Amino acid sequence: MSNLTVILPARNEEESIGVVIDEIRALPVKYDILVVDNNSKDDTYNIAFYKEARVVTAELQGKGNAMRKGFRLVNSPYVVMMNSDYTYPAAYIPYFHELLSDGYDVVVGYRRWKQGGSMSLINSFGNKALSLLASILYGKRIRDLCTGLWAFRKEVLDEFEIKSNGFTLEAELFIEVVRHGCDLVQVPISYRTRIGGSRAKLKVWNGFEIGWFLIKGRFTNE
């Protein structure tokens, strides 16, 4: 058993989930892989099972619900959360592992180099605006609030009170990082286009939802 588990939240990712698992398996260090299937309507579950990853189903819809279940099921000292749509290269995982082993509590990959067509202009602008808003509200700079590549020391993650059901998950993780005074390091990473050319799942209204979540989190106890 590895001392690091990679959690892959997945919903309707049959085109990419097998490729992502293969990429993780090809790394020089062997890691445990946990796929949390969020009620996929395609063959995501079956492909992950065939690839011999550990696969569980999150009964409640939403990435936050999927990740809460995944976090509960992990027993390894270190945890990586990575989107399963192929946009985040698995090659960064060993470096994130090394940083956690060196004592950092949380590692975040911020998307510094974007492959052409990987992110729309409106999504890019929205993420920058939300990252700036979060940095100002919480007095700690976050370069890429909505990134889908995070790593944690499990003992630190266990102290977080995650309540998000959907796309506010990353905002809540950042809030918990600040509230708990975590030692955070942000690493520049590349970002690829999705296999099959699918678009980002975050919509404009999700951006407003995340912004309001940040404001509420700063000025209320919700």
Protein backbone atom coordinates (compact mmCIF):
# COMPACT_ATOMS: atom_id res chain seq x y z
CA MET A 1 0.00 0.00 0.00
CA SER A 2 1.27 3.46 -0.94
CA ASN A 3 1.42 6.30 1.57
CA LEU A 4 -0.37 8.55 -0.95
CA THR A 5 -3.80 8.12 -2.49
CA VAL A 6 -4.94 9.90 -5.66
CA ILE A 7 -8.68 10.60 -5.55
CA LEU A 8 -10.34 11.03 -8.94
CA PRO A 9 -13.87 12.46 -8.77
CA ALA A 10 -15.62 11.49 -11.99
CA ARG A 11 -18.92 12.07 -13.71
CA ASN A 12 -19.38 10.91 -17.30
CA GLU A 13 -15.64 10.74 -18.01
CA GLU A 14 -15.54 7.51 -20.01
CA GLU A 15 -13.28 9.06 -22.65
CA SER A 16 -10.59 10.11 -20.19
CA ILE A 17 -10.76 8.08 -16.97
CA GLY A 18 -8.81 5.12 -18.35
CA VAL A 19 -6.11 7.35 -19.79
CA VAL A 20 -5.74 9.22 -16.49
CA ILE A 21 -5.45 5.98 -14.52
CA ASP A 22 -2.83 4.68 -16.97
CA GLU A 23 -0.88 7.92 -16.62
CA ILE A 24 -0.81 7.61 -12.84
CA ARG A 25 0.20 3.96 -13.07
CA ALA A 26 3.10 4.87 -15.39
CA LEU A 27 4.71 7.11 -12.76
CA PRO A 28 7.97 5.87 -11.19
CA VAL A 29 6.29 5.76 -7.76
CA LYS A 30 3.22 3.59 -7.29
CA TYR A 31 0.19 5.31 -5.79
CA ASP A 32 -3.21 4.08 -4.67
CA ILE A 33 -6.04 5.27 -6.90
CA LEU A 34 -9.58 5.89 -5.68
CA VAL A 35 -12.21 6.79 -8.27
CA VAL A 36 -15.37 8.34 -6.84
CA ASP A 37 -18.03 7.96 -9.50
CA ASN A 38 -20.68 10.65 -9.18
CA ASN A 39 -23.65 8.86 -10.77
CA SER A 40 -22.18 8.65 -14.26
CA LYS A 41 -24.56 7.72 -17.06
CA ASP A 42 -21.80 6.29 -19.24
CA ASP A 43 -19.08 3.62 -18.76
CA THR A 44 -16.90 5.63 -16.35
CA TYR A 45 -17.45 3.18 -13.47
CA ASN A 46 -16.86 0.09 -15.60
CA ILE A 47 -13.68 1.43 -17.19
CA ALA A 48 -12.19 2.43 -13.83
CA PHE A 49 -13.10 -1.00 -12.42
CA TYR A 50 -11.54 -2.74 -15.43
CA LYS A 51 -8.37 -0.70 -14.87
CA GLU A 52 -8.29 -2.17 -11.33
CA ALA A 53 -8.64 1.14 -9.55
CA ARG A 54 -10.66 1.19 -6.35
CA VAL A 55 -14.08 2.50 -7.39
CA VAL A 56 -16.91 3.76 -5.17
CA THR A 57 -20.14 5.56 -5.96
CA ALA A 58 -21.17 8.86 -4.42
CA GLU A 59 -24.93 8.65 -4.02
CA LEU A 60 -25.47 12.41 -3.75
CA GLN A 61 -24.85 14.59 -6.80
CA GLY A 62 -22.01 17.14 -6.88
CA LYS A 63 -18.24 17.24 -6.68
CA GLY A 64 -18.28 18.30 -3.04
CA ASN A 65 -20.35 15.28 -2.08
CA ALA A 66 -18.06 13.01 -4.09
CA MET A 67 -14.91 14.36 -2.49
CA ARG A 68 -16.26 14.24 1.06
CA LYS A 69 -16.89 10.55 0.56
CA GLY A 70 -13.45 10.08 -0.98
CA PHE A 71 -11.71 11.92 1.85
CA ARG A 72 -13.46 9.73 4.43
CA LEU A 73 -12.35 6.53 2.71
CA VAL A 74 -8.64 7.39 2.50
CA ASN A 75 -6.28 6.13 5.21
CA SER A 76 -2.94 7.08 3.66
CA PRO A 77 -0.88 9.95 5.17
CA TYR A 78 -1.04 11.99 1.96
CA VAL A 79 -3.89 12.70 -0.46
CA VAL A 80 -4.04 14.15 -3.98
CA MET A 81 -7.32 15.38 -5.46
CA MET A 82 -7.20 15.55 -9.25
CA ASN A 83 -9.91 16.02 -11.85
CA SER A 84 -10.37 12.97 -14.06
CA ASP A 85 -10.85 14.79 -17.38
CA TYR A 86 -7.16 14.53 -18.44
CA THR A 87 -6.56 18.31 -18.15
CA TYR A 88 -4.11 17.91 -15.24
CA PRO A 89 -0.90 15.98 -16.01
CA ALA A 90 -0.25 13.19 -13.52
CA ALA A 91 3.49 13.90 -13.86
CA TYR A 92 3.20 16.52 -11.10
CA ILE A 93 2.05 14.05 -8.47
CA PRO A 94 5.55 12.88 -7.36
CA TYR A 95 6.66 16.49 -6.84
CA PHE A 96 3.53 17.26 -4.83
CA HIS A 97 4.25 14.10 -2.81
CA GLU A 98 7.78 15.32 -2.15
CA LEU A 99 6.54 18.72 -0.95
CA LEU A 100 4.10 17.10 1.46
CA SER A 101 6.87 14.82 2.73
CA ASP A 102 9.01 17.91 3.30
CA GLY A 103 6.38 19.29 5.67
CA TYR A 104 3.96 21.42 3.66
CA ASP A 105 0.34 20.94 4.72
CA VAL A 106 -1.31 21.72 1.39
CA VAL A 107 -0.02 21.92 -2.19
CA VAL A 108 -2.00 23.63 -4.94
CA GLY A 109 -1.25 23.47 -8.66
CA TYR A 110 -2.00 26.77 -10.36
CA ARG A 111 -2.51 26.65 -14.11
CA ARG A 112 0.40 28.70 -15.42
CA TRP A 113 0.76 27.18 -18.90
CA LYS A 114 -2.51 26.53 -20.76
CA GLN A 115 -2.71 24.52 -23.94
CA GLY A 116 -4.60 26.32 -26.69
CA GLY A 117 -8.34 25.80 -26.37
CA SER A 118 -8.12 24.32 -22.87
CA MET A 119 -9.98 27.20 -21.23
CA SER A 120 -12.41 29.76 -22.62
CA LEU A 121 -11.73 33.46 -22.14
CA ILE A 122 -14.76 33.85 -19.90
CA ASN A 123 -13.66 30.96 -17.67
CA SER A 124 -10.13 32.36 -17.49
CA PHE A 125 -11.40 35.83 -16.58
CA GLY A 126 -13.85 34.44 -14.04
CA ASN A 127 -11.19 32.34 -12.33
CA LYS A 128 -8.82 35.30 -12.10
CA ALA A 129 -11.60 37.47 -10.65
CA LEU A 130 -12.56 34.82 -8.08
CA SER A 131 -8.92 34.24 -7.14
CA LEU A 132 -8.43 37.98 -6.60
CA LEU A 133 -11.64 38.21 -4.57
CA ALA A 134 -10.58 35.28 -2.37
CA SER A 135 -7.10 36.74 -1.88
CA ILE A 136 -8.50 40.11 -0.78
CA LEU A 137 -11.24 38.71 1.46
CA TYR A 138 -9.00 36.24 3.29
CA GLY A 139 -5.68 38.11 3.30
CA LYS A 140 -3.78 35.27 1.64
CA ARG A 141 -2.89 35.08 -2.02
CA ILE A 142 -4.37 32.25 -4.01
CA ARG A 143 -3.26 32.17 -7.63
CA ASP A 144 -5.86 29.73 -8.97
CA LEU A 145 -8.88 29.26 -6.74
CA CYS A 146 -10.73 26.86 -9.05
CA THR A 147 -7.85 24.53 -9.86
CA GLY A 148 -8.67 20.84 -9.78
CA LEU A 149 -5.24 19.71 -8.52
CA TRP A 150 -4.72 19.81 -4.74
CA ALA A 151 -2.65 17.75 -2.32
CA PHE A 152 -2.97 17.45 1.46
CA ARG A 153 -1.48 15.91 4.54
CA LYS A 154 -4.33 13.68 5.70
CA GLU A 155 -3.99 14.75 9.32
CA VAL A 156 -4.58 18.35 8.22
CA LEU A 157 -7.42 17.45 5.87
CA ASP A 158 -9.18 15.64 8.72
CA GLU A 159 -9.43 18.97 10.57
CA PHE A 160 -11.32 20.63 7.71
CA GLU A 161 -15.09 21.00 7.95
CA ILE A 162 -16.16 20.56 4.34
CA LYS A 163 -19.85 21.13 3.69
CA SER A 164 -19.94 22.03 0.00
CA ASN A 165 -22.05 19.87 -2.26
CA GLY A 166 -20.89 21.10 -5.65
CA PHE A 167 -18.53 23.54 -7.34
CA THR A 168 -17.88 25.65 -4.21
CA LEU A 169 -15.62 22.84 -2.97
CA GLU A 170 -12.30 24.46 -3.96
CA ALA A 171 -13.35 27.80 -2.45
CA GLU A 172 -14.19 26.03 0.80
CA LEU A 173 -10.88 24.17 0.79
CA PHE A 174 -9.07 27.51 0.46
CA ILE A 175 -11.13 29.01 3.30
CA GLU A 176 -10.23 26.06 5.52
CA VAL A 177 -6.55 26.42 4.60
CA VAL A 178 -6.66 30.03 5.81
CA ARG A 179 -8.72 29.32 8.93
CA HIS A 180 -6.38 26.55 10.05
CA GLY A 181 -3.20 28.49 9.24
CA CYS A 182 -1.95 25.76 6.92
CA ASP A 183 1.50 25.90 5.39
CA LEU A 184 0.48 26.27 1.73
CA VAL A 185 2.72 26.10 -1.34
CA GLN A 186 1.51 26.88 -4.87
CA VAL A 187 3.17 25.19 -7.82
CA PRO A 188 2.92 26.30 -11.47
CA ILE A 189 1.52 23.55 -13.68
CA SER A 190 0.44 23.03 -17.29
CA TYR A 191 -3.18 22.57 -18.27
CA ARG A 192 -4.33 20.47 -21.22
CA THR A 193 -7.43 20.32 -23.38
CA ARG A 194 -10.01 17.72 -22.45
CA ILE A 195 -10.04 14.44 -24.31
CA GLY A 196 -12.87 14.59 -26.80
CA GLY A 197 -12.91 18.38 -26.80
CA SER A 198 -15.58 18.76 -24.11
CA ARG A 199 -15.95 22.16 -22.48
CA ALA A 200 -15.44 23.19 -18.87
CA LYS A 201 -18.26 22.13 -16.56
CA LEU A 202 -18.23 25.42 -14.63
CA LYS A 203 -20.79 27.87 -16.00
CA VAL A 204 -21.18 31.60 -15.46
CA TRP A 205 -23.77 31.13 -12.71
CA ASN A 206 -21.37 28.79 -10.90
CA GLY A 207 -18.91 31.69 -10.79
CA PHE A 208 -21.46 33.92 -9.07
CA GLU A 209 -22.28 31.07 -6.68
CA ILE A 210 -18.60 30.70 -5.77
CA GLY A 211 -18.19 34.45 -5.31
CA TRP A 212 -21.19 34.64 -2.97
CA PHE A 213 -19.86 31.60 -1.07
CA LEU A 214 -16.56 33.41 -0.49
CA ILE A 215 -18.32 36.52 0.78
CA LYS A 216 -20.62 34.56 3.10
CA GLY A 217 -17.69 32.55 4.41
CA ARG A 218 -15.80 35.70 5.28
CA PHE A 219 -18.58 37.60 7.04
CA THR A 220 -20.82 34.90 8.45
CA ASN A 221 -20.44 31.56 10.22
CA GLU A 222 -22.17 29.65 7.41
